[in-house]
Each structure stands twice: as C-alpha cells, then as structure tokens.
Amino acid sequence: MEFSSKLLQEAVEQVSFLPGIGKRTALRLVLHLLNQDQEVTTDLAKSLLDLKLKIKRCKNCHNISDSEICDICANPKRDQSIVCVVEDIRDIMAIENTEQYRGVYHVLNGKINPIEGIGPNDLTIESLTQKAKEGQINEIIFALSSTMEGDTTNFYIYKQIENFDIKMSTIARGISVGDELEFADEVTLGRSIVHRIPFEKSLKA
C-alpha cells in the first residue's frame, strides 16, 4: 500500500496493530479522523492516554476499575462468598447483562495455554487460592469458555482448592463447546449461571 504522506502511513500502521483491524480498515478509520474537527481527535487521544495511565486493577478481583476496589466488589448487596471465575472483563460484562448473578468475580486475565507460553503463574490463580485458604469463599463458579484451555484452567484451579470446604460448580452447558462466553446470548448465559452444576459432575461428562 503506497502512501502520499509518512504521517498518514505511521497513523495507519499504528491503528492496524489493533486486533481485527487490517490496513485497509485502518486507512478508512484514519481518514475519517483526519476529516473530523481537531477537538474530536484530541478527545479520542486524551481518552486513550487516560485509559493507559489511570486505569487500575481491583485489589479484590483484578477487574478493570477506576478505583482500587471496583464497583461490583464495593457493592454491599453482592454476595462476597460466591465467586465467579472468568477470563477477563468481557465475560463479566456478558454475565452482568443477564441480571441473574449477585455474587462477585475473580478475573484470571487469561487461560492456561502452554502453546502460547501461558502457565498458571501468569494468571491470578494464586490470589484466588489465598482467598480460599482464608475461608472467604463458600462457592466458586467456573465460567471460563468451554475450550480445551478453559477446561484445563478449571481443572488446575479445582486441584488447588479441592481440599478446602468450598462448593465448586460450573455453568451449565447451554454454552456450546468451543464457544467464547462473550458471544453467548443473554438468555442462554443467564440460564447457564442459574442452572450451574457441581464441577465434579462436569469431569465425568
């Protein structure tokens, strides 16, 4: 792709680094911004910079937050003894949209995937195990995507805490095997949360 401007080329290359954005789409987006008022571009650049510099991770659950404790963990109406284990914030948003869950979350920030070099120590499993040891949790709900990586991660966590007096369950398989949680419709996902099953039963399935 030939560019008439090095500034344009640099902007296109930076935007094309985003997942799912090819250079043609990046060019269309950059040209759109170029045709906007300077205020629009300035506001966009500021919001992205603020996101990078000011965003925090919740001390309790590792969710993305504006403060040290996220709104979900800080909500006194949430049941702190029920913890739903998810991969990232997209899964939290999907589950929250169902309005069927009133516990809190634990964000792993990924799944165990040896092929990509992601092991247990790269995730937030240790802090989840610590919560279990301290007796803060009555139930853990595994809500990772039903993929090989998700099942491996579920099983690893299960083995770390199986000796504690904690109920462990997994979302019902209304979610198709191999599907990502964020793409499930709200009704199906809501039913999967409500009709969750003991994790031990899922191992025999």
C-alpha atoms as a PDB file:
ATOM      1  CA  MET A   1       0.000   0.000   0.000  1.00  0.00           C
ATOM      2  CA  GLU A   2       1.539   3.290  -1.165  1.00  0.00           C
ATOM      3  CA  PHE A   3       1.081   6.431   0.970  1.00  0.00           C
ATOM      4  CA  SER A   4       1.407  10.043  -0.093  1.00  0.00           C
ATOM      5  CA  SER A   5       2.328  11.052   3.470  1.00  0.00           C
ATOM      6  CA  LYS A   6       4.631   9.485   6.041  1.00  0.00           C
ATOM      7  CA  LEU A   7       2.429  10.872   8.812  1.00  0.00           C
ATOM      8  CA  LEU A   8      -0.581   9.130   7.278  1.00  0.00           C
ATOM      9  CA  GLN A   9       1.395   5.900   6.893  1.00  0.00           C
ATOM     10  CA  GLU A  10       2.514   5.981  10.532  1.00  0.00           C
ATOM     11  CA  ALA A  11      -1.042   6.548  11.767  1.00  0.00           C
ATOM     12  CA  VAL A  12      -2.360   3.683   9.620  1.00  0.00           C
ATOM     13  CA  GLU A  13       0.359   1.329  10.849  1.00  0.00           C
ATOM     14  CA  GLN A  14      -0.395   2.164  14.488  1.00  0.00           C
ATOM     15  CA  VAL A  15      -4.135   1.633  14.089  1.00  0.00           C
ATOM     16  CA  SER A  16      -3.588  -1.630  12.181  1.00  0.00           C
ATOM     17  CA  PHE A  17      -1.882  -3.091  15.261  1.00  0.00           C
ATOM     18  CA  LEU A  18      -5.330  -3.355  16.852  1.00  0.00           C
ATOM     19  CA  PRO A  19      -6.843  -6.853  16.726  1.00  0.00           C
ATOM     20  CA  GLY A  20      -9.133  -7.446  13.762  1.00  0.00           C
ATOM     21  CA  ILE A  21      -8.051  -4.252  12.018  1.00  0.00           C
ATOM     22  CA  GLY A  22      -6.310  -4.665   8.663  1.00  0.00           C
ATOM     23  CA  LYS A  23      -4.514  -1.852   6.875  1.00  0.00           C
ATOM     24  CA  ARG A  24      -7.448  -1.023   4.615  1.00  0.00           C
ATOM     25  CA  THR A  25      -9.781  -0.667   7.599  1.00  0.00           C
ATOM     26  CA  ALA A  26      -7.097   1.284   9.453  1.00  0.00           C
ATOM     27  CA  LEU A  27      -6.770   3.654   6.495  1.00  0.00           C
ATOM     28  CA  ARG A  28     -10.542   4.227   6.445  1.00  0.00           C
ATOM     29  CA  LEU A  29     -10.565   4.998  10.182  1.00  0.00           C
ATOM     30  CA  VAL A  30      -7.560   7.321   9.978  1.00  0.00           C
ATOM     31  CA  LEU A  31      -9.040   9.243   7.036  1.00  0.00           C
ATOM     32  CA  HIS A  32     -12.315   9.553   8.961  1.00  0.00           C
ATOM     33  CA  LEU A  33     -10.464  11.072  11.935  1.00  0.00           C
ATOM     34  CA  LEU A  34      -8.498  13.334   9.611  1.00  0.00           C
ATOM     35  CA  ASN A  35     -11.752  14.804   8.323  1.00  0.00           C
ATOM     36  CA  GLN A  36     -13.128  15.470  11.821  1.00  0.00           C
ATOM     37  CA  ASP A  37     -12.680  18.629  13.854  1.00  0.00           C
ATOM     38  CA  GLN A  38      -9.428  18.726  15.810  1.00  0.00           C
ATOM     39  CA  GLU A  39     -11.434  18.564  19.048  1.00  0.00           C
ATOM     40  CA  VAL A  40     -12.735  15.095  18.156  1.00  0.00           C
ATOM     41  CA  THR A  41      -9.251  13.707  17.561  1.00  0.00           C
ATOM     42  CA  THR A  42      -7.900  15.418  20.673  1.00  0.00           C
ATOM     43  CA  ASP A  43     -10.678  13.952  22.840  1.00  0.00           C
ATOM     44  CA  LEU A  44     -10.027  10.480  21.429  1.00  0.00           C
ATOM     45  CA  ALA A  45      -6.284  10.727  22.029  1.00  0.00           C
ATOM     46  CA  LYS A  46      -6.863  12.002  25.585  1.00  0.00           C
ATOM     47  CA  SER A  47      -9.311   9.227  26.461  1.00  0.00           C
ATOM     48  CA  LEU A  48      -6.873   6.563  25.225  1.00  0.00           C
ATOM     49  CA  LEU A  49      -3.990   8.115  27.142  1.00  0.00           C
ATOM     50  CA  ASP A  50      -6.101   8.404  30.307  1.00  0.00           C
ATOM     51  CA  LEU A  51      -7.115   4.764  29.875  1.00  0.00           C
ATOM     52  CA  LYS A  52      -3.489   3.679  29.785  1.00  0.00           C
ATOM     53  CA  LEU A  53      -2.212   5.931  32.570  1.00  0.00           C
ATOM     54  CA  LYS A  54      -5.108   5.976  35.044  1.00  0.00           C
ATOM     55  CA  ILE A  55      -6.822   2.583  34.785  1.00  0.00           C
ATOM     56  CA  LYS A  56      -6.461   0.310  37.796  1.00  0.00           C
ATOM     57  CA  ARG A  57      -6.990  -3.351  38.663  1.00  0.00           C
ATOM     58  CA  CYS A  58      -9.370  -4.087  41.522  1.00  0.00           C
ATOM     59  CA  LYS A  59      -7.439  -5.294  44.577  1.00  0.00           C
ATOM     60  CA  ASN A  60     -10.086  -7.906  45.301  1.00  0.00           C
ATOM     61  CA  CYS A  61     -10.982  -9.404  41.930  1.00  0.00           C
ATOM     62  CA  HIS A  62      -8.494  -7.961  39.382  1.00  0.00           C
ATOM     63  CA  ASN A  63     -11.320  -6.411  37.351  1.00  0.00           C
ATOM     64  CA  ILE A  64     -10.565  -3.234  35.418  1.00  0.00           C
ATOM     65  CA  SER A  65     -11.582  -0.278  37.570  1.00  0.00           C
ATOM     66  CA  ASP A  66     -11.263   3.464  38.090  1.00  0.00           C
ATOM     67  CA  SER A  67     -10.504   2.912  41.793  1.00  0.00           C
ATOM     68  CA  GLU A  68      -8.656   0.375  43.959  1.00  0.00           C
ATOM     69  CA  ILE A  69     -11.902  -1.530  44.602  1.00  0.00           C
ATOM     70  CA  CYS A  70     -14.287  -1.981  41.665  1.00  0.00           C
ATOM     71  CA  ASP A  71     -17.980  -1.089  41.897  1.00  0.00           C
ATOM     72  CA  ILE A  72     -19.041  -4.744  41.991  1.00  0.00           C
ATOM     73  CA  CYS A  73     -16.792  -5.668  44.926  1.00  0.00           C
ATOM     74  CA  ALA A  74     -17.748  -2.459  46.735  1.00  0.00           C
ATOM     75  CA  ASN A  75     -21.480  -3.117  46.376  1.00  0.00           C
ATOM     76  CA  PRO A  76     -22.861  -4.270  49.783  1.00  0.00           C
ATOM     77  CA  LYS A  77     -25.725  -6.054  48.006  1.00  0.00           C
ATOM     78  CA  ARG A  78     -23.346  -8.502  46.321  1.00  0.00           C
ATOM     79  CA  ASP A  79     -22.688 -11.860  47.989  1.00  0.00           C
ATOM     80  CA  GLN A  80     -18.936 -11.814  48.643  1.00  0.00           C
ATOM     81  CA  SER A  81     -18.886 -15.543  49.452  1.00  0.00           C
ATOM     82  CA  ILE A  82     -19.821 -16.596  45.887  1.00  0.00           C
ATOM     83  CA  VAL A  83     -17.022 -16.058  43.376  1.00  0.00           C
ATOM     84  CA  CYS A  84     -17.429 -16.458  39.628  1.00  0.00           C
ATOM     85  CA  VAL A  85     -14.101 -17.174  37.920  1.00  0.00           C
ATOM     86  CA  VAL A  86     -13.799 -15.562  34.480  1.00  0.00           C
ATOM     87  CA  GLU A  87     -11.102 -14.920  31.911  1.00  0.00           C
ATOM     88  CA  ASP A  88     -11.448 -11.157  31.510  1.00  0.00           C
ATOM     89  CA  ILE A  89     -13.735  -8.132  31.780  1.00  0.00           C
ATOM     90  CA  ARG A  90     -15.683  -9.082  28.642  1.00  0.00           C
ATOM     91  CA  ASP A  91     -17.021 -12.134  30.454  1.00  0.00           C
ATOM     92  CA  ILE A  92     -18.049 -10.017  33.446  1.00  0.00           C
ATOM     93  CA  MET A  93     -19.969  -7.700  31.143  1.00  0.00           C
ATOM     94  CA  ALA A  94     -21.697 -10.668  29.477  1.00  0.00           C
ATOM     95  CA  ILE A  95     -22.758 -12.188  32.809  1.00  0.00           C
ATOM     96  CA  GLU A  96     -23.838  -8.850  34.289  1.00  0.00           C
ATOM     97  CA  ASN A  97     -26.088  -8.263  31.280  1.00  0.00           C
ATOM     98  CA  THR A  98     -28.060 -11.383  32.230  1.00  0.00           C
ATOM     99  CA  GLU A  99     -29.032  -9.825  35.609  1.00  0.00           C
ATOM    100  CA  GLN A 100     -29.025 -13.378  37.029  1.00  0.00           C
ATOM    101  CA  TYR A 101     -25.906 -13.259  39.192  1.00  0.00           C
ATOM    102  CA  ARG A 102     -25.465 -11.465  42.528  1.00  0.00           C
ATOM    103  CA  GLY A 103     -22.073 -12.736  43.673  1.00  0.00           C
ATOM    104  CA  VAL A 104     -18.646 -11.277  42.897  1.00  0.00           C
ATOM    105  CA  TYR A 105     -15.945 -12.211  40.376  1.00  0.00           C
ATOM    106  CA  HIS A 106     -12.329 -13.239  40.085  1.00  0.00           C
ATOM    107  CA  VAL A 107     -10.613 -12.263  36.831  1.00  0.00           C
ATOM    108  CA  LEU A 108      -7.791 -14.586  35.762  1.00  0.00           C
ATOM    109  CA  ASN A 109      -6.589 -12.347  32.916  1.00  0.00           C
ATOM    110  CA  GLY A 110      -6.284 -15.323  30.584  1.00  0.00           C
ATOM    111  CA  LYS A 111      -6.314 -19.120  30.455  1.00  0.00           C
ATOM    112  CA  ILE A 112      -3.581 -21.720  30.791  1.00  0.00           C
ATOM    113  CA  ASN A 113      -2.181 -22.237  27.303  1.00  0.00           C
ATOM    114  CA  PRO A 114       1.256 -23.910  27.083  1.00  0.00           C
ATOM    115  CA  ILE A 115       1.400 -23.418  23.312  1.00  0.00           C
ATOM    116  CA  GLU A 116       1.328 -19.643  23.835  1.00  0.00           C
ATOM    117  CA  GLY A 117       3.602 -19.875  26.867  1.00  0.00           C
ATOM    118  CA  ILE A 118       0.872 -19.036  29.390  1.00  0.00           C
ATOM    119  CA  GLY A 119       1.198 -21.006  32.602  1.00  0.00           C
ATOM    120  CA  PRO A 120      -0.571 -20.874  35.990  1.00  0.00           C
ATOM    121  CA  ASN A 121       1.923 -18.326  37.327  1.00  0.00           C
ATOM    122  CA  ASP A 122       0.960 -15.911  34.548  1.00  0.00           C
ATOM    123  CA  LEU A 123      -2.619 -15.788  35.827  1.00  0.00           C
ATOM    124  CA  THR A 124      -4.144 -14.617  39.118  1.00  0.00           C
ATOM    125  CA  ILE A 125      -4.747 -18.151  40.390  1.00  0.00           C
ATOM    126  CA  GLU A 126      -2.578 -17.700  43.467  1.00  0.00           C
ATOM    127  CA  SER A 127      -4.696 -14.874  44.878  1.00  0.00           C
ATOM    128  CA  LEU A 128      -7.846 -16.956  44.311  1.00  0.00           C
ATOM    129  CA  THR A 129      -6.266 -19.855  46.184  1.00  0.00           C
ATOM    130  CA  GLN A 130      -5.358 -17.484  49.012  1.00  0.00           C
ATOM    131  CA  LYS A 131      -8.976 -16.351  49.319  1.00  0.00           C
ATOM    132  CA  ALA A 132      -9.997 -19.990  49.568  1.00  0.00           C
ATOM    133  CA  LYS A 133      -7.410 -20.671  52.285  1.00  0.00           C
ATOM    134  CA  GLU A 134      -8.618 -17.703  54.306  1.00  0.00           C
ATOM    135  CA  GLY A 135     -12.178 -19.033  54.289  1.00  0.00           C
ATOM    136  CA  GLN A 136     -13.620 -16.069  52.378  1.00  0.00           C
ATOM    137  CA  ILE A 137     -15.374 -18.230  49.776  1.00  0.00           C
ATOM    138  CA  ASN A 138     -18.343 -20.610  50.073  1.00  0.00           C
ATOM    139  CA  GLU A 139     -18.754 -21.308  46.352  1.00  0.00           C
ATOM    140  CA  ILE A 140     -16.622 -20.949  43.250  1.00  0.00           C
ATOM    141  CA  ILE A 141     -18.368 -20.905  39.870  1.00  0.00           C
ATOM    142  CA  PHE A 142     -16.154 -21.757  36.906  1.00  0.00           C
ATOM    143  CA  ALA A 143     -17.311 -19.601  33.985  1.00  0.00           C
ATOM    144  CA  LEU A 144     -14.462 -19.979  31.525  1.00  0.00           C
ATOM    145  CA  SER A 145     -15.132 -20.697  27.871  1.00  0.00           C
ATOM    146  CA  SER A 146     -15.731 -24.372  27.119  1.00  0.00           C
ATOM    147  CA  THR A 147     -12.488 -24.837  25.217  1.00  0.00           C
ATOM    148  CA  MET A 148      -9.528 -27.129  25.940  1.00  0.00           C
ATOM    149  CA  GLU A 149      -7.678 -24.192  27.514  1.00  0.00           C
ATOM    150  CA  GLY A 150     -10.701 -23.231  29.612  1.00  0.00           C
ATOM    151  CA  ASP A 151     -11.237 -26.798  30.833  1.00  0.00           C
ATOM    152  CA  THR A 152      -7.530 -27.170  31.640  1.00  0.00           C
ATOM    153  CA  THR A 153      -7.601 -23.983  33.691  1.00  0.00           C
ATOM    154  CA  ASN A 154     -10.764 -25.042  35.517  1.00  0.00           C
ATOM    155  CA  PHE A 155      -9.215 -28.396  36.417  1.00  0.00           C
ATOM    156  CA  TYR A 156      -5.949 -26.828  37.592  1.00  0.00           C
ATOM    157  CA  ILE A 157      -7.808 -24.468  39.945  1.00  0.00           C
ATOM    158  CA  TYR A 158     -10.019 -27.328  41.129  1.00  0.00           C
ATOM    159  CA  LYS A 159      -6.948 -29.363  42.111  1.00  0.00           C
ATOM    160  CA  GLN A 160      -5.504 -26.383  44.013  1.00  0.00           C
ATOM    161  CA  ILE A 161      -8.563 -25.958  46.233  1.00  0.00           C
ATOM    162  CA  GLU A 162     -10.292 -29.355  46.248  1.00  0.00           C
ATOM    163  CA  ASN A 163      -9.276 -29.986  49.874  1.00  0.00           C
ATOM    164  CA  PHE A 164     -10.996 -26.849  51.146  1.00  0.00           C
ATOM    165  CA  ASP A 165     -14.626 -26.859  52.236  1.00  0.00           C
ATOM    166  CA  ILE A 166     -15.819 -24.951  49.176  1.00  0.00           C
ATOM    167  CA  LYS A 167     -18.629 -25.804  46.788  1.00  0.00           C
ATOM    168  CA  MET A 168     -17.351 -25.770  43.218  1.00  0.00           C
ATOM    169  CA  SER A 169     -19.700 -25.546  40.264  1.00  0.00           C
ATOM    170  CA  THR A 170     -19.544 -24.806  36.569  1.00  0.00           C
ATOM    171  CA  ILE A 171     -22.010 -23.081  34.298  1.00  0.00           C
ATOM    172  CA  ALA A 172     -24.449 -25.453  32.629  1.00  0.00           C
ATOM    173  CA  ARG A 173     -23.575 -26.438  29.085  1.00  0.00           C
ATOM    174  CA  GLY A 174     -26.170 -24.238  27.476  1.00  0.00           C
ATOM    175  CA  ILE A 175     -22.988 -22.699  26.098  1.00  0.00           C
ATOM    176  CA  SER A 176     -21.765 -24.779  23.163  1.00  0.00           C
ATOM    177  CA  VAL A 177     -18.397 -26.469  23.467  1.00  0.00           C
ATOM    178  CA  GLY A 178     -15.725 -24.230  21.975  1.00  0.00           C
ATOM    179  CA  ASP A 179     -17.806 -21.052  22.317  1.00  0.00           C
ATOM    180  CA  GLU A 180     -16.482 -17.900  23.947  1.00  0.00           C
ATOM    181  CA  LEU A 181     -18.640 -16.605  26.804  1.00  0.00           C
ATOM    182  CA  GLU A 182     -18.842 -13.047  25.476  1.00  0.00           C
ATOM    183  CA  PHE A 183     -20.674 -14.195  22.324  1.00  0.00           C
ATOM    184  CA  ALA A 184     -23.410 -16.151  24.127  1.00  0.00           C
ATOM    185  CA  ASP A 185     -26.879 -14.638  24.112  1.00  0.00           C
ATOM    186  CA  GLU A 186     -28.054 -13.246  27.452  1.00  0.00           C
ATOM    187  CA  VAL A 187     -30.908 -15.721  27.966  1.00  0.00           C
ATOM    188  CA  THR A 188     -28.721 -18.786  27.385  1.00  0.00           C
ATOM    189  CA  LEU A 189     -25.908 -17.415  29.542  1.00  0.00           C
ATOM    190  CA  GLY A 190     -28.328 -16.427  32.301  1.00  0.00           C
ATOM    191  CA  ARG A 191     -29.815 -19.917  32.393  1.00  0.00           C
ATOM    192  CA  SER A 192     -26.324 -21.420  32.429  1.00  0.00           C
ATOM    193  CA  ILE A 193     -25.487 -19.407  35.555  1.00  0.00           C
ATOM    194  CA  VAL A 194     -28.755 -20.195  37.328  1.00  0.00           C
ATOM    195  CA  HIS A 195     -28.631 -23.923  36.483  1.00  0.00           C
ATOM    196  CA  ARG A 196     -24.932 -24.378  37.218  1.00  0.00           C
ATOM    197  CA  ILE A 197     -23.830 -27.910  38.134  1.00  0.00           C
ATOM    198  CA  PRO A 198     -21.251 -29.305  40.596  1.00  0.00           C
ATOM    199  CA  PHE A 199     -17.820 -29.173  38.995  1.00  0.00           C
ATOM    200  CA  GLU A 200     -17.152 -32.830  39.840  1.00  0.00           C
ATOM    201  CA  LYS A 201     -20.063 -33.847  37.590  1.00  0.00           C
ATOM    202  CA  SER A 202     -18.585 -31.946  34.675  1.00  0.00           C
ATOM    203  CA  LEU A 203     -15.414 -34.043  34.977  1.00  0.00           C
ATOM    204  CA  LYS A 204     -17.450 -37.203  34.388  1.00  0.00           C
ATOM    205  CA  ALA A 205     -19.345 -35.781  31.388  1.00  0.00           C
END
